[in-house]
PDB file of all heavy atoms in Angstrom:
ATOM      1  N   MET A   1     -11.841 -24.346  73.028  1.00  0.00           N
ATOM      2  CA  MET A   1     -12.916 -23.996  72.091  1.00  0.00           C
ATOM      3  C   MET A   1     -12.456 -24.183  70.648  1.00  0.00           C
ATOM      4  O   MET A   1     -13.224 -24.660  69.795  1.00  0.00           O
ATOM      5  CB  MET A   1     -13.367 -22.561  72.332  1.00  0.00           C
ATOM      6  CG  MET A   1     -14.030 -22.331  73.682  1.00  0.00           C
ATOM      7  SD  MET A   1     -15.615 -23.197  73.891  1.00  0.00           S
ATOM      8  CE  MET A   1     -16.704 -22.071  73.006  1.00  0.00           C
ATOM      9  N   ALA A   2     -11.214 -23.826  70.352  1.00  0.00           N
ATOM     10  CA  ALA A   2     -10.691 -24.016  68.990  1.00  0.00           C
ATOM     11  C   ALA A   2     -10.632 -25.493  68.641  1.00  0.00           C
ATOM     12  O   ALA A   2     -10.943 -25.884  67.503  1.00  0.00           O
ATOM     13  CB  ALA A   2      -9.301 -23.390  68.890  1.00  0.00           C
ATOM     14  N   ALA A   3     -10.248 -26.334  69.607  1.00  0.00           N
ATOM     15  CA  ALA A   3     -10.191 -27.777  69.362  1.00  0.00           C
ATOM     16  C   ALA A   3     -11.585 -28.356  69.154  1.00  0.00           C
ATOM     17  O   ALA A   3     -11.792 -29.212  68.289  1.00  0.00           O
ATOM     18  CB  ALA A   3      -9.497 -28.474  70.529  1.00  0.00           C
ATOM     19  N   LEU A   4     -12.546 -27.873  69.920  1.00  0.00           N
ATOM     20  CA  LEU A   4     -13.927 -28.333  69.750  1.00  0.00           C
ATOM     21  C   LEU A   4     -14.474 -27.938  68.386  1.00  0.00           C
ATOM     22  O   LEU A   4     -15.217 -28.699  67.753  1.00  0.00           O
ATOM     23  CB  LEU A   4     -14.816 -27.765  70.865  1.00  0.00           C
ATOM     24  CG  LEU A   4     -14.637 -28.393  72.250  1.00  0.00           C
ATOM     25  CD1 LEU A   4     -15.403 -27.597  73.297  1.00  0.00           C
ATOM     26  CD2 LEU A   4     -15.103 -29.845  72.240  1.00  0.00           C
ATOM     27  N   GLU A   5     -14.108 -26.760  67.926  1.00  0.00           N
ATOM     28  CA  GLU A   5     -14.555 -26.333  66.600  1.00  0.00           C
ATOM     29  C   GLU A   5     -13.980 -27.257  65.521  1.00  0.00           C
ATOM     30  O   GLU A   5     -14.669 -27.611  64.562  1.00  0.00           O
ATOM     31  CB  GLU A   5     -14.135 -24.898  66.340  1.00  0.00           C
ATOM     32  CG  GLU A   5     -14.643 -24.348  65.012  1.00  0.00           C
ATOM     33  CD  GLU A   5     -14.374 -22.870  64.845  1.00  0.00           C
ATOM     34  OE1 GLU A   5     -13.515 -22.334  65.572  1.00  0.00           O
ATOM     35  OE2 GLU A   5     -15.017 -22.245  63.980  1.00  0.00           O
ATOM     36  N   ARG A   6     -12.739 -27.675  65.698  1.00  0.00           N
ATOM     37  CA  ARG A   6     -12.100 -28.553  64.716  1.00  0.00           C
ATOM     38  C   ARG A   6     -12.815 -29.895  64.585  1.00  0.00           C
ATOM     39  O   ARG A   6     -12.856 -30.465  63.500  1.00  0.00           O
ATOM     40  CB  ARG A   6     -10.641 -28.797  65.107  1.00  0.00           C
ATOM     41  CG  ARG A   6      -9.702 -27.697  64.688  1.00  0.00           C
ATOM     42  CD  ARG A   6      -8.271 -28.121  64.845  1.00  0.00           C
ATOM     43  NE  ARG A   6      -7.375 -27.271  64.094  1.00  0.00           N
ATOM     44  CZ  ARG A   6      -6.086 -27.490  63.937  1.00  0.00           C
ATOM     45  NH1 ARG A   6      -5.519 -28.561  64.488  1.00  0.00           N
ATOM     46  NH2 ARG A   6      -5.341 -26.673  63.230  1.00  0.00           N
ATOM     47  N   VAL A   7     -13.336 -30.392  65.704  1.00  0.00           N
ATOM     48  CA  VAL A   7     -13.985 -31.703  65.652  1.00  0.00           C
ATOM     49  C   VAL A   7     -15.503 -31.583  65.518  1.00  0.00           C
ATOM     50  O   VAL A   7     -16.221 -32.573  65.594  1.00  0.00           O
ATOM     51  CB  VAL A   7     -13.629 -32.551  66.893  1.00  0.00           C
ATOM     52  CG1 VAL A   7     -12.130 -32.782  66.970  1.00  0.00           C
ATOM     53  CG2 VAL A   7     -14.150 -31.921  68.183  1.00  0.00           C
ATOM     54  N   GLY A   8     -15.994 -30.362  65.316  1.00  0.00           N
ATOM     55  CA  GLY A   8     -17.418 -30.158  65.078  1.00  0.00           C
ATOM     56  C   GLY A   8     -18.293 -30.228  66.307  1.00  0.00           C
ATOM     57  O   GLY A   8     -19.478 -30.566  66.209  1.00  0.00           O
ATOM     58  N   LEU A   9     -17.750 -29.873  67.480  1.00  0.00           N
ATOM     59  CA  LEU A   9     -18.535 -29.935  68.719  1.00  0.00           C
ATOM     60  C   LEU A   9     -18.688 -28.579  69.396  1.00  0.00           C
ATOM     61  O   LEU A   9     -19.090 -28.512  70.556  1.00  0.00           O
ATOM     62  CB  LEU A   9     -17.888 -30.903  69.714  1.00  0.00           C
ATOM     63  CG  LEU A   9     -18.035 -32.398  69.453  1.00  0.00           C
ATOM     64  CD1 LEU A   9     -17.377 -33.178  70.584  1.00  0.00           C
ATOM     65  CD2 LEU A   9     -19.491 -32.800  69.327  1.00  0.00           C
ATOM     66  N   LEU A  10     -18.375 -27.514  68.693  1.00  0.00           N
ATOM     67  CA  LEU A  10     -18.424 -26.191  69.309  1.00  0.00           C
ATOM     68  C   LEU A  10     -19.809 -25.884  69.861  1.00  0.00           C
ATOM     69  O   LEU A  10     -19.936 -25.270  70.929  1.00  0.00           O
ATOM     70  CB  LEU A  10     -18.015 -25.124  68.289  1.00  0.00           C
ATOM     71  CG  LEU A  10     -17.808 -23.706  68.830  1.00  0.00           C
ATOM     72  CD1 LEU A  10     -16.720 -23.693  69.907  1.00  0.00           C
ATOM     73  CD2 LEU A  10     -17.444 -22.764  67.699  1.00  0.00           C
ATOM     74  N   GLN A  11     -20.851 -26.343  69.182  1.00  0.00           N
ATOM     75  CA  GLN A  11     -22.219 -26.055  69.613  1.00  0.00           C
ATOM     76  C   GLN A  11     -22.582 -26.786  70.904  1.00  0.00           C
ATOM     77  O   GLN A  11     -23.585 -26.442  71.557  1.00  0.00           O
ATOM     78  CB  GLN A  11     -23.222 -26.415  68.504  1.00  0.00           C
ATOM     79  CG  GLN A  11     -23.479 -27.903  68.318  1.00  0.00           C
ATOM     80  CD  GLN A  11     -22.389 -28.615  67.532  1.00  0.00           C
ATOM     81  OE1 GLN A  11     -21.362 -28.034  67.211  1.00  0.00           O
ATOM     82  NE2 GLN A  11     -22.619 -29.877  67.210  1.00  0.00           N
ATOM     83  N   LEU A  12     -21.780 -27.775  71.293  1.00  0.00           N
ATOM     84  CA  LEU A  12     -22.052 -28.531  72.516  1.00  0.00           C
ATOM     85  C   LEU A  12     -21.073 -28.178  73.634  1.00  0.00           C
ATOM     86  O   LEU A  12     -20.974 -28.899  74.632  1.00  0.00           O
ATOM     87  CB  LEU A  12     -21.974 -30.037  72.233  1.00  0.00           C
ATOM     88  CG  LEU A  12     -23.038 -30.613  71.304  1.00  0.00           C
ATOM     89  CD1 LEU A  12     -22.778 -32.094  71.063  1.00  0.00           C
ATOM     90  CD2 LEU A  12     -24.434 -30.409  71.885  1.00  0.00           C
ATOM     91  N   ALA A  13     -20.380 -27.068  73.506  1.00  0.00           N
ATOM     92  CA  ALA A  13     -19.351 -26.700  74.481  1.00  0.00           C
ATOM     93  C   ALA A  13     -19.900 -26.597  75.902  1.00  0.00           C
ATOM     94  O   ALA A  13     -19.207 -26.933  76.871  1.00  0.00           O
ATOM     95  CB  ALA A  13     -18.692 -25.383  74.081  1.00  0.00           C
ATOM     96  N   LYS A  14     -21.144 -26.162  76.049  1.00  0.00           N
ATOM     97  CA  LYS A  14     -21.716 -25.982  77.385  1.00  0.00           C
ATOM     98  C   LYS A  14     -22.509 -27.195  77.862  1.00  0.00           C
ATOM     99  O   LYS A  14     -22.978 -27.221  79.007  1.00  0.00           O
ATOM    100  CB  LYS A  14     -22.617 -24.740  77.395  1.00  0.00           C
ATOM    101  CG  LYS A  14     -21.865 -23.435  77.158  1.00  0.00           C
ATOM    102  CD  LYS A  14     -22.806 -22.248  77.229  1.00  0.00           C
ATOM    103  CE  LYS A  14     -22.054 -20.937  76.987  1.00  0.00           C
ATOM    104  NZ  LYS A  14     -22.984 -19.767  77.030  1.00  0.00           N
ATOM    105  N   ALA A  15     -22.673 -28.194  77.004  1.00  0.00           N
ATOM    106  CA  ALA A  15     -23.404 -29.405  77.396  1.00  0.00           C
ATOM    107  C   ALA A  15     -22.585 -30.224  78.387  1.00  0.00           C
ATOM    108  O   ALA A  15     -21.370 -30.069  78.497  1.00  0.00           O
ATOM    109  CB  ALA A  15     -23.720 -30.238  76.155  1.00  0.00           C
ATOM    110  N   ARG A  16     -23.251 -31.110  79.115  1.00  0.00           N
ATOM    111  CA  ARG A  16     -22.535 -31.969  80.047  1.00  0.00           C
ATOM    112  C   ARG A  16     -21.806 -33.070  79.279  1.00  0.00           C
ATOM    113  O   ARG A  16     -22.408 -33.797  78.484  1.00  0.00           O
ATOM    114  CB  ARG A  16     -23.491 -32.597  81.059  1.00  0.00           C
ATOM    115  CG  ARG A  16     -23.980 -31.621  82.116  1.00  0.00           C
ATOM    116  CD  ARG A  16     -24.613 -32.343  83.297  1.00  0.00           C
ATOM    117  NE  ARG A  16     -25.025 -31.412  84.325  1.00  0.00           N
ATOM    118  CZ  ARG A  16     -24.223 -30.952  85.268  1.00  0.00           C
ATOM    119  NH1 ARG A  16     -22.960 -31.332  85.286  1.00  0.00           N
ATOM    120  NH2 ARG A  16     -24.666 -30.109  86.182  1.00  0.00           N
ATOM    121  N   GLY A  17     -20.517 -33.203  79.547  1.00  0.00           N
ATOM    122  CA  GLY A  17     -19.724 -34.194  78.833  1.00  0.00           C
ATOM    123  C   GLY A  17     -20.187 -35.610  79.061  1.00  0.00           C
ATOM    124  O   GLY A  17     -20.093 -36.464  78.168  1.00  0.00           O
ATOM    125  N   SER A  18     -20.714 -35.900  80.240  1.00  0.00           N
ATOM    126  CA  SER A  18     -21.137 -37.257  80.571  1.00  0.00           C
ATOM    127  C   SER A  18     -22.432 -37.656  79.888  1.00  0.00           C
ATOM    128  O   SER A  18     -22.854 -38.814  79.974  1.00  0.00           O
ATOM    129  CB  SER A  18     -21.291 -37.403  82.082  1.00  0.00           C
ATOM    130  OG  SER A  18     -22.234 -36.462  82.578  1.00  0.00           O
ATOM    131  N   ARG A  19     -23.096 -36.718  79.206  1.00  0.00           N
ATOM    132  CA  ARG A  19     -24.371 -37.011  78.560  1.00  0.00           C
ATOM    133  C   ARG A  19     -24.268 -37.046  77.034  1.00  0.00           C
ATOM    134  O   ARG A  19     -25.280 -37.087  76.338  1.00  0.00           O
ATOM    135  CB  ARG A  19     -25.421 -35.985  78.990  1.00  0.00           C
ATOM    136  CG  ARG A  19     -25.699 -36.024  80.480  1.00  0.00           C
ATOM    137  CD  ARG A  19     -26.764 -35.036  80.902  1.00  0.00           C
ATOM    138  NE  ARG A  19     -26.952 -35.039  82.353  1.00  0.00           N
ATOM    139  CZ  ARG A  19     -27.790 -34.241  83.005  1.00  0.00           C
ATOM    140  NH1 ARG A  19     -28.515 -33.353  82.321  1.00  0.00           N
ATOM    141  NH2 ARG A  19     -27.887 -34.316  84.314  1.00  0.00           N
ATOM    142  N   LEU A  20     -23.062 -37.038  76.526  1.00  0.00           N
ATOM    143  CA  LEU A  20     -22.871 -37.101  75.084  1.00  0.00           C
ATOM    144  C   LEU A  20     -23.083 -38.527  74.579  1.00  0.00           C
ATOM    145  O   LEU A  20     -22.989 -39.492  75.336  1.00  0.00           O
ATOM    146  CB  LEU A  20     -21.452 -36.645  74.724  1.00  0.00           C
ATOM    147  CG  LEU A  20     -21.055 -35.219  75.073  1.00  0.00           C
ATOM    148  CD1 LEU A  20     -19.614 -34.974  74.640  1.00  0.00           C
ATOM    149  CD2 LEU A  20     -21.989 -34.208  74.429  1.00  0.00           C
ATOM    150  N   SER A  21     -23.331 -38.642  73.290  1.00  0.00           N
ATOM    151  CA  SER A  21     -23.404 -39.965  72.674  1.00  0.00           C
ATOM    152  C   SER A  21     -21.995 -40.545  72.585  1.00  0.00           C
ATOM    153  O   SER A  21     -20.996 -39.861  72.837  1.00  0.00           O
ATOM    154  CB  SER A  21     -24.003 -39.857  71.271  1.00  0.00           C
ATOM    155  OG  SER A  21     -23.103 -39.171  70.404  1.00  0.00           O
ATOM    156  N   GLY A  22     -21.905 -41.815  72.207  1.00  0.00           N
ATOM    157  CA  GLY A  22     -20.597 -42.449  72.092  1.00  0.00           C
ATOM    158  C   GLY A  22     -19.687 -41.755  71.095  1.00  0.00           C
ATOM    159  O   GLY A  22     -18.508 -41.508  71.372  1.00  0.00           O
ATOM    160  N   GLY A  23     -20.243 -41.405  69.938  1.00  0.00           N
ATOM    161  CA  GLY A  23     -19.456 -40.725  68.921  1.00  0.00           C
ATOM    162  C   GLY A  23     -19.037 -39.335  69.348  1.00  0.00           C
ATOM    163  O   GLY A  23     -17.915 -38.892  69.080  1.00  0.00           O
ATOM    164  N   GLU A  24     -19.937 -38.620  70.036  1.00  0.00           N
ATOM    165  CA  GLU A  24     -19.608 -37.279  70.524  1.00  0.00           C
ATOM    166  C   GLU A  24     -18.536 -37.339  71.612  1.00  0.00           C
ATOM    167  O   GLU A  24     -17.652 -36.488  71.676  1.00  0.00           O
ATOM    168  CB  GLU A  24     -20.871 -36.604  71.052  1.00  0.00           C
ATOM    169  CG  GLU A  24     -21.850 -36.213  69.959  1.00  0.00           C
ATOM    170  CD  GLU A  24     -23.218 -35.834  70.499  1.00  0.00           C
ATOM    171  OE1 GLU A  24     -23.512 -36.154  71.674  1.00  0.00           O
ATOM    172  OE2 GLU A  24     -24.008 -35.230  69.756  1.00  0.00           O
ATOM    173  N   THR A  25     -18.611 -38.371  72.453  1.00  0.00           N
ATOM    174  CA  THR A  25     -17.597 -38.528  73.496  1.00  0.00           C
ATOM    175  C   THR A  25     -16.226 -38.771  72.883  1.00  0.00           C
ATOM    176  O   THR A  25     -15.211 -38.236  73.354  1.00  0.00           O
ATOM    177  CB  THR A  25     -17.961 -39.693  74.432  1.00  0.00           C
ATOM    178  OG1 THR A  25     -19.229 -39.450  75.043  1.00  0.00           O
ATOM    179  CG2 THR A  25     -16.910 -39.864  75.527  1.00  0.00           C
ATOM    180  N   GLN A  26     -16.180 -39.558  71.811  1.00  0.00           N
ATOM    181  CA  GLN A  26     -14.909 -39.784  71.130  1.00  0.00           C
ATOM    182  C   GLN A  26     -14.354 -38.484  70.562  1.00  0.00           C
ATOM    183  O   GLN A  26     -13.150 -38.206  70.673  1.00  0.00           O
ATOM    184  CB  GLN A  26     -15.080 -40.811  70.003  1.00  0.00           C
ATOM    185  CG  GLN A  26     -15.118 -42.247  70.487  1.00  0.00           C
ATOM    186  CD  GLN A  26     -15.040 -43.227  69.341  1.00  0.00           C
ATOM    187  OE1 GLN A  26     -15.718 -43.077  68.326  1.00  0.00           O
ATOM    188  NE2 GLN A  26     -14.216 -44.246  69.511  1.00  0.00           N
ATOM    189  N   ARG A  27     -15.217 -37.674  69.967  1.00  0.00           N
ATOM    190  CA  ARG A  27     -14.742 -36.402  69.405  1.00  0.00           C
ATOM    191  C   ARG A  27     -14.314 -35.438  70.499  1.00  0.00           C
ATOM    192  O   ARG A  27     -13.351 -34.682  70.325  1.00  0.00           O
ATOM    193  CB  ARG A  27     -15.821 -35.782  68.522  1.00  0.00           C
ATOM    194  CG  ARG A  27     -15.893 -36.412  67.138  1.00  0.00           C
ATOM    195  CD  ARG A  27     -16.767 -35.593  66.218  1.00  0.00           C
ATOM    196  NE  ARG A  27     -18.177 -35.777  66.517  1.00  0.00           N
ATOM    197  CZ  ARG A  27     -19.145 -34.948  66.133  1.00  0.00           C
ATOM    198  NH1 ARG A  27     -18.833 -33.829  65.470  1.00  0.00           N
ATOM    199  NH2 ARG A  27     -20.403 -35.185  66.434  1.00  0.00           N
ATOM    200  N   MET A  28     -14.990 -35.461  71.640  1.00  0.00           N
ATOM    201  CA  MET A  28     -14.572 -34.631  72.764  1.00  0.00           C
ATOM    202  C   MET A  28     -13.187 -35.058  73.248  1.00  0.00           C
ATOM    203  O   MET A  28     -12.324 -34.221  73.547  1.00  0.00           O
ATOM    204  CB  MET A  28     -15.575 -34.726  73.910  1.00  0.00           C
ATOM    205  CG  MET A  28     -15.205 -33.880  75.123  1.00  0.00           C
ATOM    206  SD  MET A  28     -16.406 -34.019  76.477  1.00  0.00           S
ATOM    207  CE  MET A  28     -16.083 -35.720  77.015  1.00  0.00           C
ATOM    208  N   ALA A  29     -12.968 -36.369  73.326  1.00  0.00           N
ATOM    209  CA  ALA A  29     -11.663 -36.878  73.753  1.00  0.00           C
ATOM    210  C   ALA A  29     -10.580 -36.508  72.748  1.00  0.00           C
ATOM    211  O   ALA A  29      -9.443 -36.191  73.132  1.00  0.00           O
ATOM    212  CB  ALA A  29     -11.730 -38.389  73.929  1.00  0.00           C
ATOM    213  N   LEU A  30     -10.931 -36.535  71.471  1.00  0.00           N
ATOM    214  CA  LEU A  30      -9.979 -36.133  70.451  1.00  0.00           C
ATOM    215  C   LEU A  30      -9.634 -34.652  70.589  1.00  0.00           C
ATOM    216  O   LEU A  30      -8.468 -34.254  70.475  1.00  0.00           O
ATOM    217  CB  LEU A  30     -10.541 -36.420  69.058  1.00  0.00           C
ATOM    218  CG  LEU A  30      -9.645 -36.036  67.874  1.00  0.00           C
ATOM    219  CD1 LEU A  30      -8.302 -36.739  67.957  1.00  0.00           C
ATOM    220  CD2 LEU A  30     -10.350 -36.380  66.555  1.00  0.00           C
ATOM    221  N   ALA A  31     -10.652 -33.835  70.849  1.00  0.00           N
ATOM    222  CA  ALA A  31     -10.406 -32.407  71.068  1.00  0.00           C
ATOM    223  C   ALA A  31      -9.471 -32.203  72.253  1.00  0.00           C
ATOM    224  O   ALA A  31      -8.598 -31.332  72.228  1.00  0.00           O
ATOM    225  CB  ALA A  31     -11.730 -31.676  71.307  1.00  0.00           C
ATOM    226  N   ARG A  32      -9.640 -33.012  73.299  1.00  0.00           N
ATOM    227  CA  ARG A  32      -8.776 -32.911  74.478  1.00  0.00           C
ATOM    228  C   ARG A  32      -7.315 -33.174  74.111  1.00  0.00           C
ATOM    229  O   ARG A  32      -6.403 -32.566  74.661  1.00  0.00           O
ATOM    230  CB  ARG A  32      -9.263 -33.905  75.532  1.00  0.00           C
ATOM    231  CG  ARG A  32      -8.615 -33.755  76.904  1.00  0.00           C
ATOM    232  CD  ARG A  32      -9.495 -34.359  77.979  1.00  0.00           C
ATOM    233  NE  ARG A  32      -9.957 -35.684  77.632  1.00  0.00           N
ATOM    234  CZ  ARG A  32     -11.167 -36.172  77.952  1.00  0.00           C
ATOM    235  NH1 ARG A  32     -12.026 -35.431  78.604  1.00  0.00           N
ATOM    236  NH2 ARG A  32     -11.515 -37.394  77.611  1.00  0.00           N
ATOM    237  N   LEU A  33      -7.086 -34.079  73.172  1.00  0.00           N
ATOM    238  CA  LEU A  33      -5.724 -34.385  72.733  1.00  0.00           C
ATOM    239  C   LEU A  33      -5.141 -33.283  71.857  1.00  0.00           C
ATOM    240  O   LEU A  33      -4.004 -32.867  72.034  1.00  0.00           O
ATOM    241  CB  LEU A  33      -5.701 -35.709  71.962  1.00  0.00           C
ATOM    242  CG  LEU A  33      -5.825 -37.002  72.751  1.00  0.00           C
ATOM    243  CD1 LEU A  33      -5.687 -38.190  71.806  1.00  0.00           C
ATOM    244  CD2 LEU A  33      -4.781 -37.093  73.843  1.00  0.00           C
ATOM    245  N   ILE A  34      -5.927 -32.822  70.881  1.00  0.00           N
ATOM    246  CA  ILE A  34      -5.369 -31.879  69.908  1.00  0.00           C
ATOM    247  C   ILE A  34      -5.390 -30.437  70.398  1.00  0.00           C
ATOM    248  O   ILE A  34      -4.927 -29.541  69.707  1.00  0.00           O
ATOM    249  CB  ILE A  34      -6.089 -31.982  68.549  1.00  0.00           C
ATOM    250  CG1 ILE A  34      -7.552 -31.535  68.647  1.00  0.00           C
ATOM    251  CG2 ILE A  34      -5.994 -33.401  67.994  1.00  0.00           C
ATOM    252  CD1 ILE A  34      -8.262 -31.457  67.313  1.00  0.00           C
ATOM    253  N   ALA A  35      -5.918 -30.214  71.601  1.00  0.00           N
ATOM    254  CA  ALA A  35      -5.905 -28.859  72.168  1.00  0.00           C
ATOM    255  C   ALA A  35      -4.503 -28.459  72.611  1.00  0.00           C
ATOM    256  O   ALA A  35      -4.247 -27.284  72.869  1.00  0.00           O
ATOM    257  CB  ALA A  35      -6.870 -28.771  73.341  1.00  0.00           C
ATOM    258  N   LYS A  36      -3.598 -29.432  72.723  1.00  0.00           N
ATOM    259  CA  LYS A  36      -2.221 -29.125  73.115  1.00  0.00           C
ATOM    260  C   LYS A  36      -1.267 -29.885  72.200  1.00  0.00           C
ATOM    261  O   LYS A  36      -1.664 -30.801  71.482  1.00  0.00           O
ATOM    262  CB  LYS A  36      -1.974 -29.494  74.576  1.00  0.00           C
ATOM    263  CG  LYS A  36      -2.131 -30.969  74.875  1.00  0.00           C
ATOM    264  CD  LYS A  36      -1.974 -31.269  76.364  1.00  0.00           C
ATOM    265  CE  LYS A  36      -0.593 -30.961  76.888  1.00  0.00           C
ATOM    266  NZ  LYS A  36      -0.415 -31.371  78.303  1.00  0.00           N
ATOM    267  N   SER A  37      -0.015 -29.516  72.243  1.00  0.00           N
ATOM    268  CA  SER A  37       0.972 -30.125  71.354  1.00  0.00           C
ATOM    269  C   SER A  37       1.530 -31.406  71.962  1.00  0.00           C
ATOM    270  O   SER A  37       1.903 -31.442  73.139  1.00  0.00           O
ATOM    271  CB  SER A  37       2.114 -29.131  71.098  1.00  0.00           C
ATOM    272  OG  SER A  37       3.080 -29.702  70.247  1.00  0.00           O
ATOM    273  N   HIS A  38       1.561 -32.467  71.162  1.00  0.00           N
ATOM    274  CA  HIS A  38       2.173 -33.733  71.539  1.00  0.00           C
ATOM    275  C   HIS A  38       3.181 -34.126  70.464  1.00  0.00           C
ATOM    276  O   HIS A  38       3.011 -33.787  69.292  1.00  0.00           O
ATOM    277  CB  HIS A  38       1.137 -34.853  71.653  1.00  0.00           C
ATOM    278  CG  HIS A  38       0.133 -34.659  72.741  1.00  0.00           C
ATOM    279  ND1 HIS A  38      -1.052 -33.979  72.547  1.00  0.00           N
ATOM    280  CD2 HIS A  38       0.127 -35.064  74.030  1.00  0.00           C
ATOM    281  CE1 HIS A  38      -1.737 -33.976  73.672  1.00  0.00           C
ATOM    282  NE2 HIS A  38      -1.044 -34.638  74.592  1.00  0.00           N
ATOM    283  N   LYS A  39       4.171 -34.879  70.858  1.00  0.00           N
ATOM    284  CA  LYS A  39       5.109 -35.413  69.879  1.00  0.00           C
ATOM    285  C   LYS A  39       4.616 -36.724  69.281  1.00  0.00           C
ATOM    286  O   LYS A  39       5.079 -37.149  68.222  1.00  0.00           O
ATOM    287  CB  LYS A  39       6.489 -35.611  70.512  1.00  0.00           C
ATOM    288  CG  LYS A  39       7.239 -34.320  70.779  1.00  0.00           C
ATOM    289  CD  LYS A  39       8.667 -34.588  71.198  1.00  0.00           C
ATOM    290  CE  LYS A  39       9.439 -33.289  71.386  1.00  0.00           C
ATOM    291  NZ  LYS A  39      10.855 -33.552  71.783  1.00  0.00           N
ATOM    292  N   ALA A  40       3.676 -37.374  69.966  1.00  0.00           N
ATOM    293  CA  ALA A  40       3.093 -38.614  69.448  1.00  0.00           C
ATOM    294  C   ALA A  40       1.661 -38.736  69.950  1.00  0.00           C
ATOM    295  O   ALA A  40       1.354 -38.365  71.086  1.00  0.00           O
ATOM    296  CB  ALA A  40       3.905 -39.829  69.889  1.00  0.00           C
ATOM    297  N   LEU A  41       0.792 -39.240  69.086  1.00  0.00           N
ATOM    298  CA  LEU A  41      -0.592 -39.523  69.447  1.00  0.00           C
ATOM    299  C   LEU A  41      -0.872 -40.996  69.221  1.00  0.00           C
ATOM    300  O   LEU A  41      -0.550 -41.544  68.159  1.00  0.00           O
ATOM    301  CB  LEU A  41      -1.567 -38.694  68.610  1.00  0.00           C
ATOM    302  CG  LEU A  41      -1.728 -37.205  68.890  1.00  0.00           C
ATOM    303  CD1 LEU A  41      -2.871 -36.651  68.039  1.00  0.00           C
ATOM    304  CD2 LEU A  41      -1.987 -36.934  70.362  1.00  0.00           C
TER     305      LEU A  41
END
């Protein structure tokens, strides 16, 4: 939820991921990455 808030998708947290627009899907994927710590992106 914190990652979704960062990318501006918190309001769509309960929506179906497969029904997002192309841009929203990219932001969801970005949230998936930044929700955890990586040494490289």
